[in-house]
């Protein structure tokens, strides 16, 4: 019996070096020459003694900076980190071995002006070539571990993947809430020119978002966070950012109107987090869809609260009575304006913070007792402001109910943030309510809601409706407090 020989090739290599500055430059769409001549690269080669060449002239040691081509002083490549980054060991050895044993300083300068840049350019070209070959694997990060062409250590693998899926906030602002179509991709050159971002970088970020959205939107029953972390090997923080962005894209939230233009990417991510936390499906975290029961209950409650004219009046009387109780409380009345506590859910910098009171960390933790509300209130209203709020209460309540009913209509839900600004924030600002006072108003609006006190005795699933109404108000409250001074 004839024996069969199996022939195969084996090659052994060290893990490929990854220079963070060169990689960032490749991601940003710069060329090899632009990268090699940039200050960021030369300043990050720590083996060059802070970008200086040490040259032995025979009698003394002269330190000369690595030259840059004329006109390159304004060229900048955004670095991922502030610490110096090493390059290929062969590059370092070649530069360190550059010596001038004899000759004039002119000859020394000649070598300095040519050799280091030549080596930097060669190293940059090598790494650009590697990144280009790795691009297909980076688009499907799960295959990166099985890539037989390159050996990559764990640290560099994480750097490559997360760097590839990182995004520019100004560019992402252009995509949030929009449908990601091939036609939109063809128009990216206009966006790139407007934002002064290289077209290749825009295309990479667009393709990344579209690739992730295709997987997430095709399986709405599975946690979007799990899909992104498992399929794209991204860390939890970056994955959560993509989940929030995709939520706004899934519902096509309109962010093109002038009123919501001041909202930046980070702010929109936080607003998306608030909405998902309070209005999302409580049984499935990090999903794109809103809670069906909440949508139904808030829509039905609009009918109940507007069925009789005296119901909004009863609602206001309950709120007014609570204001009067708080005003007479020693804990509230003894406070001066300078001692007024920060609104719940905000830190001193105006940023949202997880709080059991607002439910940002736990959407089901809603405080119902008057005692807890008294402790949490930022300020109370008396005199003219209370009268002004009374005059605006009905239109504000009507606006809140209108927004609640829009949850069941995908077309109307697209205008969520604009509606909140026009129907809630604007009326409150017209009566000069401060952000603390606005926060107080929503706490009372939530806490005093008792169906029997409003004459609503025929509610089906009363407990569920009460819970969902308060969850809905917490979402409105979180959005209003966050953007109150932004738009």
Protein backbone atom coordinates (compact mmCIF):
# COMPACT_ATOMS: atom_id res chain seq x y z
CA UNK A 1 0.00 0.00 0.00
CA UNK A 2 1.43 3.32 -1.07
CA UNK A 3 2.04 5.79 1.70
CA UNK A 4 0.74 9.32 1.33
CA UNK A 5 2.94 12.20 2.33
CA UNK A 6 1.33 15.38 3.60
CA UNK A 7 3.34 18.51 2.95
CA UNK A 8 2.67 21.77 4.69
CA UNK A 9 4.48 25.02 5.33
CA UNK A 10 5.27 26.34 8.77
CA UNK A 11 6.41 29.82 9.59
CA UNK A 12 7.28 31.30 12.95
CA UNK A 13 7.05 35.00 13.67
CA UNK A 14 6.95 37.39 16.56
CA UNK A 15 3.73 39.31 17.29
CA UNK A 16 3.51 42.28 14.96
CA UNK A 17 4.36 45.66 16.52
CA UNK A 18 1.55 48.20 16.69
CA UNK A 19 2.48 51.84 17.05
CA UNK A 20 -0.56 53.67 18.41
CA UNK A 21 0.25 56.93 16.66
CA UNK A 22 0.71 55.25 13.28
CA UNK A 23 -2.48 53.24 13.80
CA UNK A 24 -4.46 56.33 14.77
CA UNK A 25 -3.12 58.09 11.69
CA UNK A 26 -4.16 55.17 9.47
CA UNK A 27 -7.64 55.19 11.01
CA UNK A 28 -7.93 58.94 10.47
CA UNK A 29 -7.11 58.58 6.78
CA UNK A 30 -3.64 60.14 6.67
CA UNK A 31 -1.03 58.93 4.21
CA UNK A 32 2.26 57.28 5.10
CA UNK A 33 4.25 60.43 4.37
CA UNK A 34 1.92 62.65 6.38
CA UNK A 35 2.30 60.28 9.30
CA UNK A 36 6.09 59.95 9.07
CA UNK A 37 6.54 63.72 8.88
CA UNK A 38 4.13 64.48 11.70
CA UNK A 39 5.33 65.78 15.04
CA UNK A 40 3.19 63.27 16.90
CA UNK A 41 5.12 60.31 15.53
CA UNK A 42 8.61 61.70 16.08
CA UNK A 43 7.73 62.88 19.60
CA UNK A 44 6.42 59.43 20.51
CA UNK A 45 9.57 57.52 19.64
CA UNK A 46 10.88 57.53 23.19
CA UNK A 47 14.08 55.71 22.21
CA UNK A 48 15.11 58.84 20.34
CA UNK A 49 15.53 60.76 23.59
CA UNK A 50 12.39 62.88 23.21
CA UNK A 51 12.65 63.14 19.41
CA UNK A 52 16.38 63.98 19.44
CA UNK A 53 19.12 62.14 17.56
CA UNK A 54 22.29 61.57 19.61
CA UNK A 55 25.20 61.85 17.21
CA UNK A 56 28.82 61.10 18.01
CA UNK A 57 30.97 63.65 16.14
CA UNK A 58 34.24 62.27 17.44
CA UNK A 59 34.97 64.99 19.98
CA UNK A 60 31.55 65.64 21.45
CA UNK A 61 27.98 64.48 21.51
CA UNK A 62 25.51 66.68 19.62
CA UNK A 63 21.77 66.45 20.16
CA UNK A 64 19.77 67.36 17.06
CA UNK A 65 15.99 67.23 16.66
CA UNK A 66 14.53 64.94 14.02
CA UNK A 67 13.72 67.22 11.09
CA UNK A 68 10.26 67.64 9.65
CA UNK A 69 9.53 68.61 6.09
CA UNK A 70 8.73 72.28 5.46
CA UNK A 71 5.10 73.09 6.00
CA UNK A 72 4.45 70.09 8.22
CA UNK A 73 4.38 72.05 11.48
CA UNK A 74 0.61 72.39 11.34
CA UNK A 75 0.06 68.73 10.58
CA UNK A 76 -1.35 66.82 13.54
CA UNK A 77 -2.30 63.21 14.06
CA UNK A 78 -4.58 62.65 17.04
CA UNK A 79 -2.93 60.30 19.50
CA UNK A 80 -4.88 57.77 21.52
CA UNK A 81 -2.70 58.25 24.57
CA UNK A 82 -0.32 60.82 25.98
CA UNK A 83 2.46 58.40 26.86
CA UNK A 84 5.36 57.76 24.45
CA UNK A 85 4.94 54.81 22.13
CA UNK A 86 7.71 52.56 20.88
CA UNK A 87 8.26 51.45 17.32
CA UNK A 88 9.80 48.41 15.70
CA UNK A 89 13.01 47.38 17.45
CA UNK A 90 14.89 47.32 14.14
CA UNK A 91 14.01 50.97 13.60
CA UNK A 92 15.32 51.90 17.04
CA UNK A 93 18.53 49.93 16.53
CA UNK A 94 19.16 51.51 13.13
CA UNK A 95 18.67 55.01 14.50
CA UNK A 96 20.75 54.38 17.60
CA UNK A 97 23.57 52.98 15.49
CA UNK A 98 23.72 56.09 13.30
CA UNK A 99 27.09 57.62 14.13
CA UNK A 100 29.37 60.10 12.51
CA UNK A 101 32.94 59.32 13.49
CA UNK A 102 34.67 61.97 11.38
CA UNK A 103 33.84 64.88 9.17
CA UNK A 104 32.30 68.27 9.55
CA UNK A 105 29.03 69.19 11.24
CA UNK A 106 27.59 69.77 7.79
CA UNK A 107 28.02 66.08 7.00
CA UNK A 108 26.51 65.18 10.37
CA UNK A 109 23.49 67.34 9.72
CA UNK A 110 23.13 65.80 6.29
CA UNK A 111 22.80 62.34 7.81
CA UNK A 112 20.42 63.59 10.46
CA UNK A 113 18.21 65.29 7.89
CA UNK A 114 17.83 62.17 5.75
CA UNK A 115 18.28 58.93 7.63
CA UNK A 116 15.75 59.25 10.52
CA UNK A 117 12.88 60.35 8.29
CA UNK A 118 13.70 57.57 5.87
CA UNK A 119 13.52 55.03 8.69
CA UNK A 120 10.31 56.50 10.10
CA UNK A 121 8.73 56.41 6.65
CA UNK A 122 9.77 52.79 6.15
CA UNK A 123 8.33 51.80 9.52
CA UNK A 124 5.11 53.68 8.78
CA UNK A 125 4.73 52.00 5.38
CA UNK A 126 5.24 48.57 6.97
CA UNK A 127 2.59 49.17 9.60
CA UNK A 128 0.14 50.71 7.11
CA UNK A 129 0.54 47.56 5.00
CA UNK A 130 -0.20 45.37 8.03
CA UNK A 131 -3.29 47.39 8.98
CA UNK A 132 -4.65 47.18 5.44
CA UNK A 133 -4.22 43.40 5.41
CA UNK A 134 -5.94 43.20 8.81
CA UNK A 135 -8.89 45.38 7.81
CA UNK A 136 -11.16 42.51 6.75
CA UNK A 137 -10.53 40.76 10.06
CA UNK A 138 -11.20 44.00 11.96
CA UNK A 139 -14.57 44.27 10.27
CA UNK A 140 -15.37 40.86 11.76
CA UNK A 141 -13.33 40.85 14.99
CA UNK A 142 -14.25 37.30 15.99
CA UNK A 143 -12.08 36.08 13.11
CA UNK A 144 -9.05 38.02 14.34
CA UNK A 145 -8.06 35.25 16.76
CA UNK A 146 -7.96 32.68 13.96
CA UNK A 147 -6.05 34.90 11.53
CA UNK A 148 -3.04 32.83 10.47
CA UNK A 149 -1.23 35.66 8.69
CA UNK A 150 -0.42 37.67 11.82
CA UNK A 151 0.45 36.85 15.39
CA UNK A 152 -1.10 39.52 17.65
CA UNK A 153 -0.85 39.63 21.42
CA UNK A 154 -3.94 40.26 23.54
CA UNK A 155 -3.13 43.89 24.36
CA UNK A 156 -2.55 44.88 20.74
CA UNK A 157 -5.59 42.90 19.62
CA UNK A 158 -7.76 44.92 21.99
CA UNK A 159 -6.10 48.13 20.83
CA UNK A 160 -6.72 47.28 17.16
CA UNK A 161 -10.38 46.34 17.59
CA UNK A 162 -11.43 49.16 19.89
CA UNK A 163 -9.46 51.70 17.88
CA UNK A 164 -11.15 50.54 14.69
CA UNK A 165 -14.64 50.89 16.22
CA UNK A 166 -13.94 54.14 18.01
CA UNK A 167 -15.76 57.11 16.49
CA UNK A 168 -15.50 60.86 16.12
CA UNK A 169 -18.30 62.53 18.10
CA UNK A 170 -18.86 65.32 15.59
CA UNK A 171 -19.22 62.82 12.74
CA UNK A 172 -21.43 60.45 14.73
CA UNK A 173 -23.73 63.39 15.47
CA UNK A 174 -24.45 63.49 11.73
CA UNK A 175 -25.57 59.83 11.74
CA UNK A 176 -27.60 59.57 14.94
CA UNK A 177 -31.29 59.14 14.28
CA UNK A 178 -30.88 58.62 10.55
CA UNK A 179 -31.44 55.59 8.38
CA UNK A 180 -28.10 54.22 7.22
CA UNK A 181 -28.51 53.80 3.47
CA UNK A 182 -26.10 53.36 0.58
CA UNK A 183 -27.23 56.73 -0.75
CA UNK A 184 -26.24 58.39 2.49
CA UNK A 185 -22.82 56.76 2.27
CA UNK A 186 -22.32 58.23 -1.20
CA UNK A 187 -22.92 61.69 0.24
CA UNK A 188 -20.28 61.36 2.93
CA UNK A 189 -17.83 63.50 0.97
CA UNK A 190 -19.93 66.58 1.80
CA UNK A 191 -19.97 65.65 5.49
CA UNK A 192 -16.22 64.98 5.46
CA UNK A 193 -15.54 68.38 3.92
CA UNK A 194 -17.83 70.16 6.39
CA UNK A 195 -16.25 68.51 9.43
CA UNK A 196 -12.72 68.44 7.97
CA UNK A 197 -12.43 64.71 8.50
CA UNK A 198 -10.85 62.44 5.91
CA UNK A 199 -13.40 60.62 3.74
CA UNK A 200 -11.91 57.18 4.44
CA UNK A 201 -12.38 57.77 8.18
CA UNK A 202 -16.02 58.77 7.64
CA UNK A 203 -16.63 55.67 5.53
CA UNK A 204 -15.06 53.42 8.16
CA UNK A 205 -17.25 54.84 10.95
CA UNK A 206 -20.38 54.72 8.78
CA UNK A 207 -19.73 51.09 7.79
CA UNK A 208 -19.05 50.13 11.41
CA UNK A 209 -22.35 51.57 12.62
CA UNK A 210 -24.27 50.01 9.75
CA UNK A 211 -22.60 46.62 10.27
CA UNK A 212 -23.46 46.61 13.98
CA UNK A 213 -27.01 47.86 13.37
CA UNK A 214 -27.68 45.09 10.87
CA UNK A 215 -26.95 42.45 13.49
CA UNK A 216 -28.76 44.21 16.34
CA UNK A 217 -31.91 45.06 14.37
CA UNK A 218 -32.18 41.52 13.01
CA UNK A 219 -32.55 40.07 16.52
CA UNK A 220 -34.64 42.39 18.69
CA UNK A 221 -35.34 39.71 21.28
CA UNK A 222 -31.69 39.46 22.32
CA UNK A 223 -29.89 42.08 24.37
CA UNK A 224 -28.18 44.50 22.00
CA UNK A 225 -25.34 44.84 24.49
CA UNK A 226 -24.68 41.09 24.44
CA UNK A 227 -24.74 41.01 20.64
CA UNK A 228 -22.20 43.81 20.30
CA UNK A 229 -19.85 42.52 22.99
CA UNK A 230 -19.95 38.94 21.69
CA UNK A 231 -19.88 39.55 17.95
CA UNK A 232 -17.53 42.54 17.84
CA UNK A 233 -15.40 41.93 20.96
CA UNK A 234 -15.86 45.51 22.17
CA UNK A 235 -15.55 46.52 25.80
CA UNK A 236 -18.71 47.17 27.79
CA UNK A 237 -18.41 50.96 27.80
CA UNK A 238 -18.00 51.29 24.03
CA UNK A 239 -20.72 48.68 23.44
CA UNK A 240 -23.16 50.64 25.58
CA UNK A 241 -22.46 53.78 23.56
CA UNK A 242 -23.34 51.91 20.39
CA UNK A 243 -26.54 50.57 21.99
CA UNK A 244 -27.69 54.10 22.90
CA UNK A 245 -26.86 55.43 19.44
CA UNK A 246 -28.63 52.53 17.72
CA UNK A 247 -31.74 53.09 19.84
CA UNK A 248 -32.05 56.61 18.41
CA UNK A 249 -31.39 55.27 14.90
CA UNK A 250 -33.92 52.45 15.32
CA UNK A 251 -36.68 54.93 16.21
CA UNK A 252 -35.41 57.48 13.67
CA UNK A 253 -35.40 60.26 16.27
CA UNK A 254 -35.33 63.54 14.33
CA UNK A 255 -32.31 65.59 15.39
CA UNK A 256 -32.13 67.86 12.35
CA UNK A 257 -34.45 70.56 13.70
CA UNK A 258 -32.88 73.82 14.82
CA UNK A 259 -34.24 73.47 18.35
CA UNK A 260 -32.32 70.28 19.10
CA UNK A 261 -29.13 71.19 17.21
CA UNK A 262 -27.26 72.17 20.42
CA UNK A 263 -27.47 68.57 21.64
CA UNK A 264 -24.13 66.86 21.06
CA UNK A 265 -23.32 63.17 20.72
CA UNK A 266 -22.48 62.60 24.39
CA UNK A 267 -25.67 64.35 25.50
CA UNK A 268 -27.77 62.31 23.08
CA UNK A 269 -26.23 59.10 24.38
CA UNK A 270 -27.24 60.08 27.92
CA UNK A 271 -30.76 61.04 26.82
CA UNK A 272 -31.09 57.71 25.04
CA UNK A 273 -30.00 55.99 28.24
CA UNK A 274 -32.72 57.78 30.23
CA UNK A 275 -35.45 56.85 27.75
CA UNK A 276 -34.36 53.22 27.47
CA UNK A 277 -34.07 52.86 31.25
CA UNK A 278 -37.57 54.13 32.02
CA UNK A 279 -39.57 53.26 28.91
CA UNK A 280 -37.85 50.11 27.68
CA UNK A 281 -39.02 46.55 28.16
CA UNK A 282 -38.43 45.77 31.87
CA UNK A 283 -38.00 42.06 31.12
CA UNK A 284 -35.31 42.54 28.47
CA UNK A 285 -32.51 44.98 29.13
CA UNK A 286 -30.72 46.84 26.34
CA UNK A 287 -33.39 46.20 23.72
CA UNK A 288 -34.47 48.61 21.00
CA UNK A 289 -38.22 48.39 21.62
CA UNK A 290 -40.31 50.31 24.14
CA UNK A 291 -42.41 48.57 26.77
CA UNK A 292 -45.73 47.66 25.11
CA UNK A 293 -47.72 47.83 28.35
CA UNK A 294 -46.30 51.24 29.21
CA UNK A 295 -47.26 52.60 25.79
CA UNK A 296 -50.80 51.27 26.14
CA UNK A 297 -51.29 52.50 29.71
CA UNK A 298 -49.99 56.02 29.08
CA UNK A 299 -52.11 56.30 25.94
CA UNK A 300 -55.24 55.13 27.81
CA UNK A 301 -54.49 57.44 30.72
CA UNK A 302 -54.64 60.40 28.36
CA UNK A 303 -58.26 59.51 27.67
CA UNK A 304 -59.07 59.19 31.38
CA UNK A 305 -57.36 62.43 32.45
CA UNK A 306 -58.97 64.50 29.69
CA UNK A 307 -62.44 62.90 29.89
CA UNK A 308 -63.61 65.43 32.49
CA UNK A 309 -62.57 69.06 32.89
CA UNK A 310 -62.30 68.84 36.66
CA UNK A 311 -59.70 66.04 36.67
CA UNK A 312 -56.73 68.31 35.74
CA UNK A 313 -57.99 70.78 38.36
CA UNK A 314 -58.02 68.05 41.01
CA UNK A 315 -54.52 67.03 39.93
CA UNK A 316 -53.27 70.60 40.39
CA UNK A 317 -54.96 70.96 43.79
CA UNK A 318 -53.07 67.90 45.02
CA UNK A 319 -49.79 69.39 43.78
CA UNK A 320 -50.56 72.80 45.27
CA UNK A 321 -51.41 71.25 48.63
CA UNK A 322 -48.06 69.46 48.62
CA UNK A 323 -46.26 72.71 47.78
CA UNK A 324 -47.94 74.38 50.74
CA UNK A 325 -46.97 71.50 53.01
CA UNK A 326 -43.37 71.75 51.89
CA UNK A 327 -43.32 75.53 52.33
CA UNK A 328 -44.39 75.16 55.95
CA UNK A 329 -41.77 72.47 56.59
CA UNK A 330 -38.84 73.76 58.74
CA UNK A 331 -36.41 71.73 56.65
CA UNK A 332 -37.43 73.53 53.49
CA UNK A 333 -38.21 77.01 54.82
CA UNK A 334 -34.89 77.29 56.65
CA UNK A 335 -32.91 76.77 53.45
CA UNK A 336 -31.42 79.73 51.67
CA UNK A 337 -31.04 79.84 47.87
CA UNK A 338 -27.32 79.27 48.17
CA UNK A 339 -27.96 76.16 50.26
CA UNK A 340 -30.53 74.65 47.92
CA UNK A 341 -29.54 71.11 47.06
CA UNK A 342 -28.65 70.03 43.57
CA UNK A 343 -31.55 68.59 41.53
CA UNK A 344 -31.85 64.86 41.82
CA UNK A 345 -29.97 63.12 39.03
CA UNK A 346 -27.50 65.98 38.51
CA UNK A 347 -24.03 66.50 39.85
CA UNK A 348 -22.45 69.89 40.36
CA UNK A 349 -21.26 69.91 36.77
CA UNK A 350 -24.77 69.53 35.39
CA UNK A 351 -24.24 65.91 34.35
CA UNK A 352 -26.64 63.10 35.07
CA UNK A 353 -25.60 60.74 37.82
CA UNK A 354 -27.06 57.34 38.68
CA UNK A 355 -29.55 57.78 41.47
CA UNK A 356 -32.04 55.50 43.11
CA UNK A 357 -34.32 58.48 43.45
CA UNK A 358 -34.57 59.09 39.74
CA UNK A 359 -34.24 55.45 38.84
CA UNK A 360 -31.39 56.02 36.36
CA UNK A 361 -29.56 53.04 37.78
CA UNK A 362 -32.75 51.10 38.43
CA UNK A 363 -35.86 52.15 36.48
CA UNK A 364 -38.16 50.33 38.88
CA UNK A 365 -36.97 52.16 42.00
CA UNK A 366 -39.52 54.98 42.17
CA UNK A 367 -40.00 56.70 45.53
CA UNK A 368 -43.67 57.19 46.38
CA UNK A 369 -43.74 58.46 49.95
CA UNK A 370 -44.14 62.13 50.82
CA UNK A 371 -41.33 61.86 53.38
CA UNK A 372 -38.82 60.75 50.74
CA UNK A 373 -40.00 63.44 48.35
CA UNK A 374 -39.52 66.11 51.03
CA UNK A 375 -35.91 65.04 51.50
CA UNK A 376 -35.23 64.98 47.76
CA UNK A 377 -36.87 68.28 46.80
CA UNK A 378 -34.52 70.98 45.60
CA UNK A 379 -36.83 73.93 46.30
CA UNK A 380 -40.46 74.88 46.71
CA UNK A 381 -42.64 77.55 45.10
CA UNK A 382 -44.59 80.34 46.75
CA UNK A 383 -46.34 83.53 45.73
CA UNK A 384 -46.20 84.70 42.14
CA UNK A 385 -44.31 81.70 40.76
CA UNK A 386 -46.85 79.29 42.19
CA UNK A 387 -49.68 81.28 40.58
CA UNK A 388 -47.85 81.34 37.25
CA UNK A 389 -47.29 77.59 37.41
CA UNK A 390 -51.00 77.10 38.11
CA UNK A 391 -51.86 79.05 34.95
CA UNK A 392 -49.52 76.85 32.89
CA UNK A 393 -50.36 73.51 34.49
CA UNK A 394 -53.13 72.43 32.12
CA UNK A 395 -51.18 73.07 28.89
CA UNK A 396 -48.09 71.42 30.40
CA UNK A 397 -50.11 68.36 31.44
CA UNK A 398 -51.68 68.29 28.00
CA UNK A 399 -48.22 68.37 26.43
CA UNK A 400 -47.01 65.53 28.67
CA UNK A 401 -50.04 63.40 27.74
CA UNK A 402 -49.52 64.20 24.06
CA UNK A 403 -45.92 62.99 24.27
CA UNK A 404 -47.15 59.88 26.09
CA UNK A 405 -49.58 59.02 23.31
CA UNK A 406 -46.81 59.53 20.71
CA UNK A 407 -45.00 56.51 22.16
CA UNK A 408 -47.53 54.36 20.30
CA UNK A 409 -46.99 56.21 17.00
CA UNK A 410 -43.53 55.71 15.51
CA UNK A 411 -43.85 58.75 13.26
CA UNK A 412 -44.76 61.10 16.13
CA UNK A 413 -42.18 59.54 18.45
CA UNK A 414 -39.43 60.76 16.11
CA UNK A 415 -40.01 64.31 17.41
CA UNK A 416 -39.58 63.30 21.06
CA UNK A 417 -36.90 65.78 22.13
CA UNK A 418 -38.32 68.65 20.12
CA UNK A 419 -41.79 68.03 21.59
CA UNK A 420 -40.39 67.98 25.12
CA UNK A 421 -38.64 71.29 24.47
CA UNK A 422 -41.68 73.02 22.98
CA UNK A 423 -44.49 71.52 25.07
CA UNK A 424 -42.82 71.29 28.48
CA UNK A 425 -39.56 73.22 28.79
CA UNK A 426 -40.71 76.39 27.00
CA UNK A 427 -43.83 76.93 29.19
CA UNK A 428 -41.74 76.35 32.33
CA UNK A 429 -39.09 78.82 31.20
CA UNK A 430 -41.73 81.46 30.42
CA UNK A 431 -42.59 81.58 34.11
CA UNK A 432 -38.88 81.68 35.01
CA UNK A 433 -38.75 78.33 36.76
CA UNK A 434 -35.20 77.36 37.70
CA UNK A 435 -33.90 73.87 37.10
CA UNK A 436 -34.26 72.99 40.82
CA UNK A 437 -37.85 74.19 40.81
CA UNK A 438 -38.58 72.23 37.64
CA UNK A 439 -37.20 69.08 39.23
CA UNK A 440 -39.41 69.67 42.27
CA UNK A 441 -42.49 70.08 40.08
CA UNK A 442 -41.96 66.71 38.40
CA UNK A 443 -41.36 64.95 41.71
CA UNK A 444 -44.70 66.25 42.97
CA UNK A 445 -46.44 65.47 39.68
CA UNK A 446 -45.28 61.90 40.12
CA UNK A 447 -45.88 61.46 43.84
CA UNK A 448 -49.38 62.91 44.17
CA UNK A 449 -50.85 60.72 41.44
CA UNK A 450 -53.49 58.58 43.14
CA UNK A 451 -56.36 57.50 40.85
CA UNK A 452 -58.98 57.60 43.64
CA UNK A 453 -58.04 61.18 44.54
CA UNK A 454 -58.64 62.19 40.93
CA UNK A 455 -61.98 60.42 40.72
CA UNK A 456 -60.64 57.63 38.51
CA UNK A 457 -62.41 54.65 40.05
CA UNK A 458 -62.92 52.54 36.93
CA UNK A 459 -59.29 51.99 35.93
CA UNK A 460 -58.43 48.46 34.88
CA UNK A 461 -55.03 47.20 36.01
CA UNK A 462 -54.81 50.18 38.34
CA UNK A 463 -51.52 49.23 39.99
CA UNK A 464 -49.83 48.63 36.66
CA UNK A 465 -51.11 51.92 35.25
CA UNK A 466 -49.89 53.85 38.29
CA UNK A 467 -46.46 52.25 38.02
CA UNK A 468 -46.19 52.89 34.27
CA UNK A 469 -47.38 56.49 34.60
CA UNK A 470 -44.73 57.18 37.20
CA UNK A 471 -42.08 55.46 35.07
CA UNK A 472 -43.14 57.61 32.13
CA UNK A 473 -42.94 60.78 34.24
CA UNK A 474 -39.49 59.78 35.49
CA UNK A 475 -38.31 59.53 31.88
CA UNK A 476 -39.77 62.94 31.05
CA UNK A 477 -38.26 64.39 34.20
CA UNK A 478 -34.80 62.99 33.41
CA UNK A 479 -34.82 64.40 29.87
CA UNK A 480 -36.17 67.81 30.96
CA UNK A 481 -33.65 68.24 33.78
CA UNK A 482 -30.75 67.18 31.55
CA UNK A 483 -31.45 69.52 28.64
CA UNK A 484 -33.22 72.35 30.52
CA UNK A 485 -30.27 74.73 30.23
CA UNK A 486 -28.94 73.29 26.97
CA UNK A 487 -31.66 74.32 24.52
